[in-house]
Amino acid sequence: MNISESLAHLRELRTTLPAALAAETDPLTRAHGVGEIIAELGKLEDELKEVRRPAVAELRAQGYTVRALAAELDLSPARIDQISKGRRA
């Protein structure tokens, strides 16, 4: 699955998952389901950050400035600096 396909799948989930969870009649089951999904999203976010960090480092090594990367990635220069230094935020 390429990046475009992964994004399309994620966007589809974003539109269908909340409604599916809201349709669950048992509030305990619904709350557990939401909690499990939030936990998985946190893990996914951590894993994605570990993919982005070396990509940013590679771009910096190629000569991109912090400001240029910030503009390209729609992030602040401070955030690019944090990513470059391996800081989590």
C-alpha atoms as a PDB file:
ATOM      1  CA  MET A   1       0.000   0.000   0.000  1.00  0.00           C
ATOM      2  CA  ASN A   2       1.499   3.349  -1.010  1.00  0.00           C
ATOM      3  CA  ILE A   3       1.159   6.660   0.818  1.00  0.00           C
ATOM      4  CA  SER A   4      -1.841   7.825  -1.238  1.00  0.00           C
ATOM      5  CA  GLU A   5      -3.695   4.560  -0.638  1.00  0.00           C
ATOM      6  CA  SER A   6      -2.877   4.687   3.070  1.00  0.00           C
ATOM      7  CA  LEU A   7      -4.168   8.254   3.326  1.00  0.00           C
ATOM      8  CA  ALA A   8      -7.365   7.338   1.459  1.00  0.00           C
ATOM      9  CA  HIS A   9      -7.909   4.425   3.836  1.00  0.00           C
ATOM     10  CA  LEU A  10      -7.298   6.629   6.863  1.00  0.00           C
ATOM     11  CA  ARG A  11      -9.709   9.278   5.561  1.00  0.00           C
ATOM     12  CA  GLU A  12     -12.342   6.607   4.982  1.00  0.00           C
ATOM     13  CA  LEU A  13     -11.938   5.392   8.550  1.00  0.00           C
ATOM     14  CA  ARG A  14     -12.197   8.958   9.796  1.00  0.00           C
ATOM     15  CA  THR A  15     -15.588   9.282   8.143  1.00  0.00           C
ATOM     16  CA  THR A  16     -16.985   5.848   9.049  1.00  0.00           C
ATOM     17  CA  LEU A  17     -15.484   4.948  12.413  1.00  0.00           C
ATOM     18  CA  PRO A  18     -17.093   7.633  14.600  1.00  0.00           C
ATOM     19  CA  ALA A  19     -20.546   6.772  13.263  1.00  0.00           C
ATOM     20  CA  ALA A  20     -19.949   3.063  13.779  1.00  0.00           C
ATOM     21  CA  LEU A  21     -18.871   3.667  17.354  1.00  0.00           C
ATOM     22  CA  ALA A  22     -21.769   6.030  18.020  1.00  0.00           C
ATOM     23  CA  ALA A  23     -24.169   3.346  16.786  1.00  0.00           C
ATOM     24  CA  GLU A  24     -23.018   0.965  19.526  1.00  0.00           C
ATOM     25  CA  THR A  25     -25.924   0.846  21.965  1.00  0.00           C
ATOM     26  CA  ASP A  26     -23.978  -0.306  25.014  1.00  0.00           C
ATOM     27  CA  PRO A  27     -22.173   2.733  26.466  1.00  0.00           C
ATOM     28  CA  LEU A  28     -19.542   0.606  28.193  1.00  0.00           C
ATOM     29  CA  THR A  29     -18.683  -1.190  24.968  1.00  0.00           C
ATOM     30  CA  ARG A  30     -18.674   2.155  23.144  1.00  0.00           C
ATOM     31  CA  ALA A  31     -16.358   3.750  25.721  1.00  0.00           C
ATOM     32  CA  HIS A  32     -14.000   0.762  25.683  1.00  0.00           C
ATOM     33  CA  GLY A  33     -13.917   0.794  21.887  1.00  0.00           C
ATOM     34  CA  VAL A  34     -13.106   4.484  21.766  1.00  0.00           C
ATOM     35  CA  GLY A  35     -10.380   4.037  24.394  1.00  0.00           C
ATOM     36  CA  GLU A  36      -8.774   1.191  22.472  1.00  0.00           C
ATOM     37  CA  ILE A  37      -8.823   3.185  19.245  1.00  0.00           C
ATOM     38  CA  ILE A  38      -7.294   6.236  20.934  1.00  0.00           C
ATOM     39  CA  ALA A  39      -4.528   4.028  22.374  1.00  0.00           C
ATOM     40  CA  GLU A  40      -3.810   2.559  18.936  1.00  0.00           C
ATOM     41  CA  LEU A  41      -3.747   6.030  17.401  1.00  0.00           C
ATOM     42  CA  GLY A  42      -1.155   7.081  19.968  1.00  0.00           C
ATOM     43  CA  LYS A  43       1.027   4.114  19.040  1.00  0.00           C
ATOM     44  CA  LEU A  44       0.583   4.886  15.354  1.00  0.00           C
ATOM     45  CA  GLU A  45       1.541   8.516  15.938  1.00  0.00           C
ATOM     46  CA  ASP A  46       4.739   7.443  17.708  1.00  0.00           C
ATOM     47  CA  GLU A  47       5.609   5.054  14.868  1.00  0.00           C
ATOM     48  CA  LEU A  48       4.968   7.700  12.229  1.00  0.00           C
ATOM     49  CA  LYS A  49       7.168  10.195  14.051  1.00  0.00           C
ATOM     50  CA  GLU A  50       9.968   7.625  13.934  1.00  0.00           C
ATOM     51  CA  VAL A  51       9.571   7.507  10.151  1.00  0.00           C
ATOM     52  CA  ARG A  52       9.501  11.289   9.816  1.00  0.00           C
ATOM     53  CA  ARG A  53      12.535  11.987  12.009  1.00  0.00           C
ATOM     54  CA  PRO A  54      15.115  10.308   9.763  1.00  0.00           C
ATOM     55  CA  ALA A  55      13.443  11.798   6.685  1.00  0.00           C
ATOM     56  CA  VAL A  56      13.893  15.279   8.147  1.00  0.00           C
ATOM     57  CA  ALA A  57      17.469  14.451   9.117  1.00  0.00           C
ATOM     58  CA  GLU A  58      18.151  13.262   5.566  1.00  0.00           C
ATOM     59  CA  LEU A  59      16.695  16.460   4.117  1.00  0.00           C
ATOM     60  CA  ARG A  60      18.771  18.567   6.505  1.00  0.00           C
ATOM     61  CA  ALA A  61      21.869  16.637   5.403  1.00  0.00           C
ATOM     62  CA  GLN A  62      20.956  17.421   1.804  1.00  0.00           C
ATOM     63  CA  GLY A  63      21.105  21.113   2.640  1.00  0.00           C
ATOM     64  CA  TYR A  64      17.535  22.074   3.457  1.00  0.00           C
ATOM     65  CA  THR A  65      17.419  24.815   6.060  1.00  0.00           C
ATOM     66  CA  VAL A  66      15.126  24.621   9.062  1.00  0.00           C
ATOM     67  CA  ARG A  67      13.048  27.464   7.615  1.00  0.00           C
ATOM     68  CA  ALA A  68      12.794  25.872   4.176  1.00  0.00           C
ATOM     69  CA  LEU A  69      11.674  22.567   5.673  1.00  0.00           C
ATOM     70  CA  ALA A  70       9.208  24.327   7.949  1.00  0.00           C
ATOM     71  CA  ALA A  71       7.613  25.995   4.946  1.00  0.00           C
ATOM     72  CA  GLU A  72       7.620  22.788   2.898  1.00  0.00           C
ATOM     73  CA  LEU A  73       6.149  20.625   5.671  1.00  0.00           C
ATOM     74  CA  ASP A  74       3.794  23.286   7.049  1.00  0.00           C
ATOM     75  CA  LEU A  75       5.403  23.148  10.471  1.00  0.00           C
ATOM     76  CA  SER A  76       7.088  25.802  12.556  1.00  0.00           C
ATOM     77  CA  PRO A  77      10.869  26.190  12.419  1.00  0.00           C
ATOM     78  CA  ALA A  78      10.928  25.339  16.121  1.00  0.00           C
ATOM     79  CA  ARG A  79       9.127  22.056  15.423  1.00  0.00           C
ATOM     80  CA  ILE A  80      11.547  21.183  12.624  1.00  0.00           C
ATOM     81  CA  ASP A  81      14.410  21.863  15.031  1.00  0.00           C
ATOM     82  CA  GLN A  82      12.809  19.558  17.629  1.00  0.00           C
ATOM     83  CA  ILE A  83      12.324  16.806  15.060  1.00  0.00           C
ATOM     84  CA  SER A  84      15.904  17.208  13.832  1.00  0.00           C
ATOM     85  CA  LYS A  85      17.185  16.830  17.381  1.00  0.00           C
ATOM     86  CA  GLY A  86      14.969  13.810  18.084  1.00  0.00           C
ATOM     87  CA  ARG A  87      12.824  15.594  20.629  1.00  0.00           C
ATOM     88  CA  ARG A  88       9.250  14.474  21.039  1.00  0.00           C
ATOM     89  CA  ALA A  89       6.551  17.064  21.339  1.00  0.00           C
END
